[in-house]
């Protein structure tokens, strides 16, 4: 993996949740009054702007990019910030001039209240894959207030050498997948390494993969949003009704995991998989660099988890890892736009994604060159992907905990019933 930067695990989403929830009420009250940070143009004509980056693992990478930007022009100077509390900064009228932030439900308040600049008239919008815009619409009413910068695709990571040793082909149907698992188990090889002590690994893994491979995710969430406070198990679409069959698949997967999965965490999984203690691992490319800390150049591949017997149902699980935005009231829009335009150049954006195992949101953006991702790249580029369902449940609903309960042996029905009830209660507050 050489120069590739460590990737942020989706578990950090929980930290984002806590920070956002702490400030959400204040944002609702003060977001309309937001102004930009106080840095001003100097007497020499140089404009200083602040740039917020939410992804700590690539701070060093962006320090280098900023240095390159400074070497190529002399009108804008950028200060990197990764510690600001974004909701609080808007309330205090001191948000950063430009942000590069994970695009999940935490952005809803900012987008829907118009706190971020409308980008629809910029030249970058037309270059974005329409299917990526559709993903962003699932989290906010007006997605064109941010420009997607990087998309992460996840699936099953597998050890090619173990597959080759046991003469196994990459499965494309549920029957083929379980046959692979049975063959491995009979040979004394743990088919899948699980890390159930970290609930986020289940939510982004088995939970999302099982649902996304069987359910039309956008249609489902559109339907239950329309149902709102009336959502019950008997609704035309509900968590109980639609997620029931995928959870049955998830339960079937449990017998193929390591016996100590309930006490293993993400770090344990990276180490164990690197040591060849299992043939497969349900993680995204953020795990590659961590695996490489134990075993460099492990012969890895990826594929989407098949959960039906129709290969046409195969899709990759994705999330909008980073998106660019500028506060609506920023007085340094021209300078912020200059740096944003520089970052969006293919030579910069494509290299960032290649170096960090991400996919470009631009039409025609090349796939990352990492051969381990080849098994997902074809699905991404033919738009056979879905946004992780766990990313579309409001932060106040502990969906990862419910997924963890199922992984630890609870029947799916009661956990899905809790999701129905939680959604109906949330809809009362949101209406």
Protein backbone atom coordinates (compact mmCIF):
# COMPACT_ATOMS: atom_id res chain seq x y z
CA UNK A 1 0.00 0.00 0.00
CA UNK A 2 3.16 2.17 0.13
CA UNK A 3 2.15 5.83 0.14
CA UNK A 4 -1.57 5.39 0.70
CA UNK A 5 -2.92 7.34 3.64
CA UNK A 6 -4.79 5.59 6.48
CA UNK A 7 -8.53 5.80 5.95
CA UNK A 8 -11.09 6.94 8.45
CA UNK A 9 -13.35 4.17 9.64
CA UNK A 10 -17.07 4.89 9.54
CA UNK A 11 -16.99 4.50 13.31
CA UNK A 12 -15.98 8.14 13.50
CA UNK A 13 -19.48 8.88 12.33
CA UNK A 14 -20.55 8.24 15.92
CA UNK A 15 -18.26 11.07 17.05
CA UNK A 16 -19.80 13.30 14.39
CA UNK A 17 -23.20 12.39 15.71
CA UNK A 18 -22.39 13.41 19.23
CA UNK A 19 -20.81 16.70 18.15
CA UNK A 20 -23.68 17.51 15.83
CA UNK A 21 -26.41 16.64 18.30
CA UNK A 22 -24.79 18.85 20.91
CA UNK A 23 -25.02 21.82 18.59
CA UNK A 24 -28.08 21.03 16.48
CA UNK A 25 -30.49 23.10 18.53
CA UNK A 26 -28.18 26.09 18.37
CA UNK A 27 -27.73 25.64 14.65
CA UNK A 28 -31.48 25.70 14.12
CA UNK A 29 -31.69 28.95 16.05
CA UNK A 30 -28.66 30.71 14.68
CA UNK A 31 -27.84 29.27 11.28
CA UNK A 32 -29.56 32.02 9.35
CA UNK A 33 -27.29 34.63 10.93
CA UNK A 34 -24.06 32.88 10.07
CA UNK A 35 -21.14 34.89 8.80
CA UNK A 36 -17.72 33.78 7.68
CA UNK A 37 -14.50 33.66 9.66
CA UNK A 38 -12.75 36.90 10.43
CA UNK A 39 -9.58 36.53 8.34
CA UNK A 40 -9.36 39.47 5.95
CA UNK A 41 -7.50 40.47 2.83
CA UNK A 42 -4.11 41.94 3.63
CA UNK A 43 -2.80 45.26 2.42
CA UNK A 44 -0.69 43.42 -0.17
CA UNK A 45 -3.78 42.00 -1.86
CA UNK A 46 -3.37 38.49 -0.48
CA UNK A 47 -6.60 36.95 0.85
CA UNK A 48 -6.33 34.57 3.80
CA UNK A 49 -8.98 31.86 4.05
CA UNK A 50 -9.65 29.09 6.52
CA UNK A 51 -10.21 25.55 5.21
CA UNK A 52 -11.94 22.98 7.40
CA UNK A 53 -11.18 19.28 6.85
CA UNK A 54 -13.20 16.64 8.70
CA UNK A 55 -10.99 13.65 7.90
CA UNK A 56 -8.02 13.49 10.28
CA UNK A 57 -6.25 10.69 8.43
CA UNK A 58 -5.56 12.93 5.42
CA UNK A 59 -4.47 16.09 7.24
CA UNK A 60 -0.86 15.54 6.21
CA UNK A 61 -1.94 14.93 2.63
CA UNK A 62 -3.84 18.24 2.51
CA UNK A 63 -0.99 20.15 4.13
CA UNK A 64 1.07 19.07 1.12
CA UNK A 65 -1.71 20.05 -1.29
CA UNK A 66 -1.98 23.49 0.28
CA UNK A 67 1.77 23.97 -0.09
CA UNK A 68 1.48 23.07 -3.77
CA UNK A 69 -1.43 25.51 -4.19
CA UNK A 70 0.61 28.27 -2.58
CA UNK A 71 3.50 27.56 -4.94
CA UNK A 72 1.22 27.90 -7.98
CA UNK A 73 -0.37 31.26 -7.13
CA UNK A 74 0.21 34.20 -4.77
CA UNK A 75 -3.23 35.74 -4.23
CA UNK A 76 -4.78 33.30 -1.72
CA UNK A 77 -3.30 31.80 1.41
CA UNK A 78 -5.01 28.85 3.08
CA UNK A 79 -4.96 27.86 6.75
CA UNK A 80 -5.98 24.26 7.42
CA UNK A 81 -8.37 23.70 10.32
CA UNK A 82 -9.48 20.30 11.55
CA UNK A 83 -10.62 21.12 15.09
CA UNK A 84 -13.47 23.61 14.70
CA UNK A 85 -16.91 22.55 15.91
CA UNK A 86 -18.84 23.32 12.74
CA UNK A 87 -22.33 23.82 14.24
CA UNK A 88 -20.89 26.10 16.92
CA UNK A 89 -18.88 28.06 14.35
CA UNK A 90 -22.05 28.92 12.43
CA UNK A 91 -23.83 29.97 15.59
CA UNK A 92 -20.90 32.24 16.49
CA UNK A 93 -20.85 33.70 12.95
CA UNK A 94 -17.33 32.37 12.41
CA UNK A 95 -17.54 29.32 10.14
CA UNK A 96 -14.60 28.40 7.93
CA UNK A 97 -14.44 29.91 4.45
CA UNK A 98 -14.38 26.48 2.79
CA UNK A 99 -15.21 23.05 4.15
CA UNK A 100 -14.48 19.49 3.05
CA UNK A 101 -16.78 17.32 5.12
CA UNK A 102 -18.26 13.84 5.24
CA UNK A 103 -21.67 14.10 3.52
CA UNK A 104 -24.15 12.26 5.73
CA UNK A 105 -27.23 13.26 7.71
CA UNK A 106 -25.19 15.75 9.73
CA UNK A 107 -25.32 18.12 6.75
CA UNK A 108 -29.12 18.27 6.60
CA UNK A 109 -29.58 21.33 8.81
CA UNK A 110 -26.99 23.33 6.88
CA UNK A 111 -28.24 22.40 3.42
CA UNK A 112 -31.96 22.65 4.07
CA UNK A 113 -31.61 26.01 5.83
CA UNK A 114 -29.50 27.49 3.05
CA UNK A 115 -26.43 28.01 5.24
CA UNK A 116 -24.19 26.82 2.41
CA UNK A 117 -23.78 28.55 -0.92
CA UNK A 118 -25.92 27.32 -3.82
CA UNK A 119 -23.46 25.68 -6.23
CA UNK A 120 -25.99 24.92 -8.98
CA UNK A 121 -24.71 27.76 -11.20
CA UNK A 122 -21.05 26.73 -10.91
CA UNK A 123 -19.39 24.83 -13.77
CA UNK A 124 -18.60 21.84 -11.52
CA UNK A 125 -22.18 20.67 -11.09
CA UNK A 126 -22.60 19.47 -14.67
CA UNK A 127 -19.52 17.27 -14.37
CA UNK A 128 -20.85 15.21 -11.44
CA UNK A 129 -22.27 11.76 -12.08
CA UNK A 130 -26.09 12.11 -11.89
CA UNK A 131 -26.24 8.90 -9.83
CA UNK A 132 -24.02 10.52 -7.20
CA UNK A 133 -26.38 13.50 -7.05
CA UNK A 134 -29.22 11.02 -6.46
CA UNK A 135 -27.32 9.60 -3.49
CA UNK A 136 -26.87 13.08 -2.05
CA UNK A 137 -30.58 13.81 -2.42
CA UNK A 138 -31.25 11.02 0.06
CA UNK A 139 -29.64 13.06 2.83
CA UNK A 140 -30.68 16.61 1.94
CA UNK A 141 -33.37 18.39 -0.09
CA UNK A 142 -30.95 20.56 -2.07
CA UNK A 143 -27.74 18.62 -2.63
CA UNK A 144 -26.21 21.21 -4.96
CA UNK A 145 -25.04 23.24 -1.98
CA UNK A 146 -22.00 20.94 -1.84
CA UNK A 147 -19.77 19.41 -4.51
CA UNK A 148 -18.93 15.73 -3.93
CA UNK A 149 -15.19 15.16 -3.86
CA UNK A 150 -14.68 11.52 -2.94
CA UNK A 151 -16.86 8.41 -2.79
CA UNK A 152 -15.87 5.28 -0.88
CA UNK A 153 -17.01 1.85 -2.07
CA UNK A 154 -17.06 -1.12 0.30
CA UNK A 155 -17.75 -4.83 0.09
CA UNK A 156 -16.17 -8.13 1.02
CA UNK A 157 -12.38 -8.05 1.28
CA UNK A 158 -10.96 -11.48 0.59
CA UNK A 159 -7.57 -13.16 0.77
CA UNK A 160 -6.77 -14.21 -2.80
CA UNK A 161 -4.14 -16.72 -1.68
CA UNK A 162 -6.61 -18.56 0.56
CA UNK A 163 -9.19 -18.62 -2.25
CA UNK A 164 -6.58 -19.94 -4.70
CA UNK A 165 -5.37 -22.60 -2.28
CA UNK A 166 -8.89 -23.99 -1.98
CA UNK A 167 -9.72 -23.48 -5.69
CA UNK A 168 -12.52 -21.02 -4.95
CA UNK A 169 -13.99 -18.56 -7.43
CA UNK A 170 -15.46 -15.21 -6.40
CA UNK A 171 -19.16 -15.89 -5.70
CA UNK A 172 -21.86 -13.95 -7.54
CA UNK A 173 -24.94 -15.50 -5.92
CA UNK A 174 -26.01 -16.30 -2.37
CA UNK A 175 -25.83 -20.05 -3.06
CA UNK A 176 -22.31 -19.70 -4.37
CA UNK A 177 -21.31 -17.59 -1.39
CA UNK A 178 -22.58 -20.06 1.20
CA UNK A 179 -20.91 -22.89 -0.76
CA UNK A 180 -17.60 -21.01 -0.53
CA UNK A 181 -18.11 -20.57 3.21
CA UNK A 182 -18.97 -24.25 3.69
CA UNK A 183 -15.87 -25.33 1.76
CA UNK A 184 -13.64 -23.10 3.84
CA UNK A 185 -15.22 -24.23 7.08
CA UNK A 186 -14.76 -27.90 6.14
CA UNK A 187 -11.09 -27.17 5.47
CA UNK A 188 -10.64 -25.63 8.91
CA UNK A 189 -10.50 -22.04 7.64
CA UNK A 190 -12.62 -19.31 9.25
CA UNK A 191 -14.68 -17.92 6.36
CA UNK A 192 -15.37 -14.40 7.74
CA UNK A 193 -13.66 -12.42 10.48
CA UNK A 194 -16.17 -10.51 12.59
CA UNK A 195 -15.58 -7.61 15.00
CA UNK A 196 -18.93 -7.42 16.77
CA UNK A 197 -17.61 -5.51 19.79
CA UNK A 198 -17.60 -2.41 17.56
CA UNK A 199 -21.20 -1.89 16.52
CA UNK A 200 -20.34 0.34 13.53
CA UNK A 201 -18.50 -2.53 11.85
CA UNK A 202 -21.74 -4.54 11.83
CA UNK A 203 -23.85 -1.60 10.68
CA UNK A 204 -21.63 -0.73 7.71
CA UNK A 205 -20.90 -4.41 7.05
CA UNK A 206 -23.39 -7.25 7.38
CA UNK A 207 -26.36 -4.97 8.05
CA UNK A 208 -25.84 -2.61 5.11
CA UNK A 209 -24.60 -5.28 2.71
CA UNK A 210 -27.53 -7.59 3.36
CA UNK A 211 -30.14 -4.84 3.00
CA UNK A 212 -28.52 -3.08 0.04
CA UNK A 213 -28.27 -6.35 -1.86
CA UNK A 214 -31.99 -7.08 -1.54
CA UNK A 215 -33.85 -3.79 -1.04
CA UNK A 216 -34.20 -0.74 -3.30
CA UNK A 217 -32.75 1.62 -0.69
CA UNK A 218 -33.92 4.98 -2.17
CA UNK A 219 -37.47 3.74 -2.74
CA UNK A 220 -37.67 2.28 0.74
CA UNK A 221 -36.62 5.47 2.51
CA UNK A 222 -38.88 7.56 0.30
CA UNK A 223 -41.79 5.33 1.31
CA UNK A 224 -41.17 5.39 5.05
CA UNK A 225 -40.60 9.14 5.06
CA UNK A 226 -44.03 9.49 3.47
CA UNK A 227 -45.45 7.14 6.11
CA UNK A 228 -43.87 9.24 8.88
CA UNK A 229 -45.66 9.07 12.22
CA UNK A 230 -48.00 6.38 10.88
CA UNK A 231 -45.22 3.85 10.32
CA UNK A 232 -45.98 0.42 11.79
CA UNK A 233 -45.11 -3.16 10.97
CA UNK A 234 -48.31 -3.30 8.91
CA UNK A 235 -47.44 -0.32 6.71
CA UNK A 236 -46.93 -1.09 2.99
CA UNK A 237 -43.22 -0.55 3.64
CA UNK A 238 -41.63 -0.81 7.07
CA UNK A 239 -38.39 -1.89 8.66
CA UNK A 240 -40.09 -5.09 9.79
CA UNK A 241 -41.53 -5.91 6.38
CA UNK A 242 -38.66 -4.84 4.09
CA UNK A 243 -35.63 -5.51 6.27
CA UNK A 244 -36.88 -8.87 7.56
CA UNK A 245 -35.57 -11.04 4.68
CA UNK A 246 -32.13 -9.33 4.62
CA UNK A 247 -31.83 -9.82 8.39
CA UNK A 248 -32.56 -13.51 7.90
CA UNK A 249 -29.55 -13.57 5.57
CA UNK A 250 -27.48 -11.73 8.16
CA UNK A 251 -28.38 -14.33 10.78
CA UNK A 252 -27.29 -17.09 8.39
CA UNK A 253 -23.91 -15.39 8.02
CA UNK A 254 -23.21 -15.58 11.73
CA UNK A 255 -22.28 -19.28 11.65
CA UNK A 256 -19.43 -18.47 9.26
CA UNK A 257 -17.68 -16.02 11.60
CA UNK A 258 -14.90 -16.53 14.11
CA UNK A 259 -16.25 -17.91 17.43
CA UNK A 260 -14.85 -14.95 19.40
CA UNK A 261 -16.37 -12.28 17.12
CA UNK A 262 -18.44 -10.85 19.98
CA UNK A 263 -15.28 -9.69 21.79
CA UNK A 264 -13.23 -8.60 18.78
CA UNK A 265 -12.88 -4.95 17.72
CA UNK A 266 -11.93 -3.25 14.46
CA UNK A 267 -8.21 -3.22 15.25
CA UNK A 268 -8.34 -6.91 16.15
CA UNK A 269 -9.99 -7.65 12.82
CA UNK A 270 -7.37 -5.80 10.80
CA UNK A 271 -4.57 -7.68 12.54
CA UNK A 272 -6.26 -11.09 12.33
CA UNK A 273 -7.13 -10.73 8.65
CA UNK A 274 -3.59 -9.59 7.90
CA UNK A 275 -2.33 -12.74 9.63
CA UNK A 276 -4.50 -14.99 7.46
CA UNK A 277 -6.86 -15.98 10.27
CA UNK A 278 -9.91 -15.71 7.99
CA UNK A 279 -10.57 -15.74 4.27
CA UNK A 280 -12.94 -12.75 4.18
CA UNK A 281 -13.55 -9.49 6.02
CA UNK A 282 -16.56 -7.18 5.69
CA UNK A 283 -14.84 -3.80 5.50
CA UNK A 284 -14.07 -0.93 3.17
CA UNK A 285 -10.76 0.35 1.79
CA UNK A 286 -10.13 2.37 4.95
CA UNK A 287 -8.93 -0.97 6.38
CA UNK A 288 -6.23 -1.54 3.77
CA UNK A 289 -3.56 0.66 5.33
CA UNK A 290 -4.30 -0.76 8.77
CA UNK A 291 -3.96 -4.32 7.45
CA UNK A 292 -0.67 -3.30 5.83
CA UNK A 293 0.73 -2.33 9.23
CA UNK A 294 0.82 -6.05 10.04
CA UNK A 295 1.37 -7.63 6.62
CA UNK A 296 2.58 -5.53 3.72
CA UNK A 297 1.40 -6.47 0.24
CA UNK A 298 -1.24 -8.95 1.40
CA UNK A 299 -2.84 -10.39 -1.73
CA UNK A 300 -6.33 -8.93 -1.32
CA UNK A 301 -9.36 -8.59 -3.56
CA UNK A 302 -12.90 -7.29 -3.15
CA UNK A 303 -16.41 -8.13 -4.31
CA UNK A 304 -19.97 -7.11 -3.39
CA UNK A 305 -21.71 -9.48 -1.00
CA UNK A 306 -24.28 -11.48 -3.00
CA UNK A 307 -27.49 -11.98 -1.00
CA UNK A 308 -29.82 -13.23 -3.74
CA UNK A 309 -29.43 -15.89 -6.41
CA UNK A 310 -29.58 -13.33 -9.22
CA UNK A 311 -26.12 -11.99 -10.14
CA UNK A 312 -27.91 -8.95 -11.56
CA UNK A 313 -28.70 -7.86 -8.00
CA UNK A 314 -25.03 -7.34 -7.12
CA UNK A 315 -24.23 -3.80 -5.96
CA UNK A 316 -21.45 -2.09 -4.02
CA UNK A 317 -22.11 -0.23 -0.79
CA UNK A 318 -20.96 3.41 -1.01
CA UNK A 319 -20.89 6.61 1.01
CA UNK A 320 -20.07 10.19 0.03
CA UNK A 321 -16.84 10.40 1.94
CA UNK A 322 -16.08 14.08 1.35
CA UNK A 323 -17.89 17.06 -0.19
CA UNK A 324 -16.86 20.72 -0.60
CA UNK A 325 -19.01 23.64 0.60
CA UNK A 326 -18.78 27.39 1.18
CA UNK A 327 -20.93 29.30 3.70
CA UNK A 328 -23.61 31.39 2.00
CA UNK A 329 -22.56 34.56 3.84
CA UNK A 330 -18.82 34.13 3.36
CA UNK A 331 -17.30 37.52 2.38
CA UNK A 332 -14.34 35.76 0.76
CA UNK A 333 -16.28 33.65 -1.70
CA UNK A 334 -13.98 34.53 -4.61
CA UNK A 335 -10.88 33.29 -2.77
CA UNK A 336 -12.68 30.23 -1.40
CA UNK A 337 -13.95 29.42 -4.89
CA UNK A 338 -10.44 29.73 -6.28
CA UNK A 339 -9.09 27.12 -3.89
CA UNK A 340 -12.15 24.91 -4.41
CA UNK A 341 -11.68 25.09 -8.18
CA UNK A 342 -8.02 24.16 -7.75
CA UNK A 343 -8.92 21.14 -5.61
CA UNK A 344 -11.51 20.02 -8.18
CA UNK A 345 -9.07 19.92 -11.07
CA UNK A 346 -8.81 16.34 -12.33
CA UNK A 347 -5.05 16.34 -11.77
CA UNK A 348 -5.64 17.08 -8.07
CA UNK A 349 -8.97 15.35 -7.40
CA UNK A 350 -8.15 12.16 -9.32
CA UNK A 351 -4.77 11.83 -7.63
CA UNK A 352 -6.34 12.33 -4.20
CA UNK A 353 -8.82 9.54 -4.84
CA UNK A 354 -6.19 7.25 -6.30
CA UNK A 355 -3.85 7.83 -3.36
CA UNK A 356 -6.65 7.27 -0.84
CA UNK A 357 -8.61 4.40 -2.44
CA UNK A 358 -11.63 6.55 -3.27
CA UNK A 359 -13.73 7.03 -6.37
CA UNK A 360 -14.24 10.31 -8.16
CA UNK A 361 -17.73 11.75 -8.36
CA UNK A 362 -17.03 13.33 -11.75
CA UNK A 363 -18.30 11.62 -14.91
CA UNK A 364 -15.36 9.81 -16.43
CA UNK A 365 -13.17 9.95 -13.33
CA UNK A 366 -10.74 7.00 -13.37
CA UNK A 367 -11.03 4.12 -10.95
CA UNK A 368 -8.39 3.94 -8.22
CA UNK A 369 -5.38 1.96 -9.38
CA UNK A 370 -5.19 -0.22 -6.26
CA UNK A 371 -5.73 -3.76 -7.66
CA UNK A 372 -7.49 -4.79 -4.45
CA UNK A 373 -10.42 -2.56 -5.45
CA UNK A 374 -10.82 -3.99 -8.96
CA UNK A 375 -13.67 -6.23 -7.82
CA UNK A 376 -15.76 -3.19 -6.84
CA UNK A 377 -14.70 -0.72 -9.52
CA UNK A 378 -16.85 -2.19 -12.29
CA UNK A 379 -19.95 -1.94 -10.12
CA UNK A 380 -19.23 1.66 -9.21
CA UNK A 381 -18.66 2.71 -12.80
CA UNK A 382 -21.87 1.12 -14.04
CA UNK A 383 -23.77 2.85 -11.17
CA UNK A 384 -24.55 -0.46 -9.49
CA UNK A 385 -24.27 0.91 -5.97
CA UNK A 386 -26.39 1.94 -3.00
CA UNK A 387 -25.91 4.34 -0.11
CA UNK A 388 -25.45 2.40 3.12
CA UNK A 389 -28.92 2.17 4.75
CA UNK A 390 -27.42 2.76 8.19
CA UNK A 391 -26.33 6.20 6.94
CA UNK A 392 -29.95 7.15 6.24
CA UNK A 393 -31.36 6.51 9.69
CA UNK A 394 -31.48 9.67 11.88
CA UNK A 395 -28.63 9.94 14.35
CA UNK A 396 -31.00 9.82 17.32
CA UNK A 397 -31.97 6.22 16.40
CA UNK A 398 -29.31 3.69 17.53
CA UNK A 399 -29.47 1.53 14.40
CA UNK A 400 -25.91 0.22 14.90
CA UNK A 401 -26.85 -1.02 18.37
CA UNK A 402 -29.86 -2.85 16.96
CA UNK A 403 -27.67 -4.45 14.29
CA UNK A 404 -25.20 -5.43 16.99
CA UNK A 405 -27.98 -7.04 19.05
CA UNK A 406 -28.90 -9.21 16.06
CA UNK A 407 -25.26 -10.17 15.55
CA UNK A 408 -25.01 -11.14 19.21
CA UNK A 409 -28.02 -13.44 18.99
CA UNK A 410 -31.20 -11.39 19.38
CA UNK A 411 -34.05 -12.23 17.02
CA UNK A 412 -34.32 -9.64 14.22
CA UNK A 413 -38.07 -9.07 14.62
CA UNK A 414 -38.00 -7.16 17.92
CA UNK A 415 -35.03 -5.04 16.80
CA UNK A 416 -36.78 -4.08 13.56
CA UNK A 417 -39.95 -3.30 15.51
CA UNK A 418 -37.88 -0.87 17.60
CA UNK A 419 -36.74 0.80 14.37
CA UNK A 420 -40.38 1.23 13.29
CA UNK A 421 -41.31 2.81 16.61
CA UNK A 422 -38.20 5.00 16.71
CA UNK A 423 -38.86 6.25 13.19
CA UNK A 424 -42.47 7.14 14.00
CA UNK A 425 -41.36 9.07 17.12
CA UNK A 426 -38.63 10.84 15.18
CA UNK A 427 -41.16 11.85 12.55
CA UNK A 428 -43.27 13.56 15.22
CA UNK A 429 -40.29 15.74 16.20
CA UNK A 430 -39.30 16.37 12.59
CA UNK A 431 -42.78 17.41 11.42
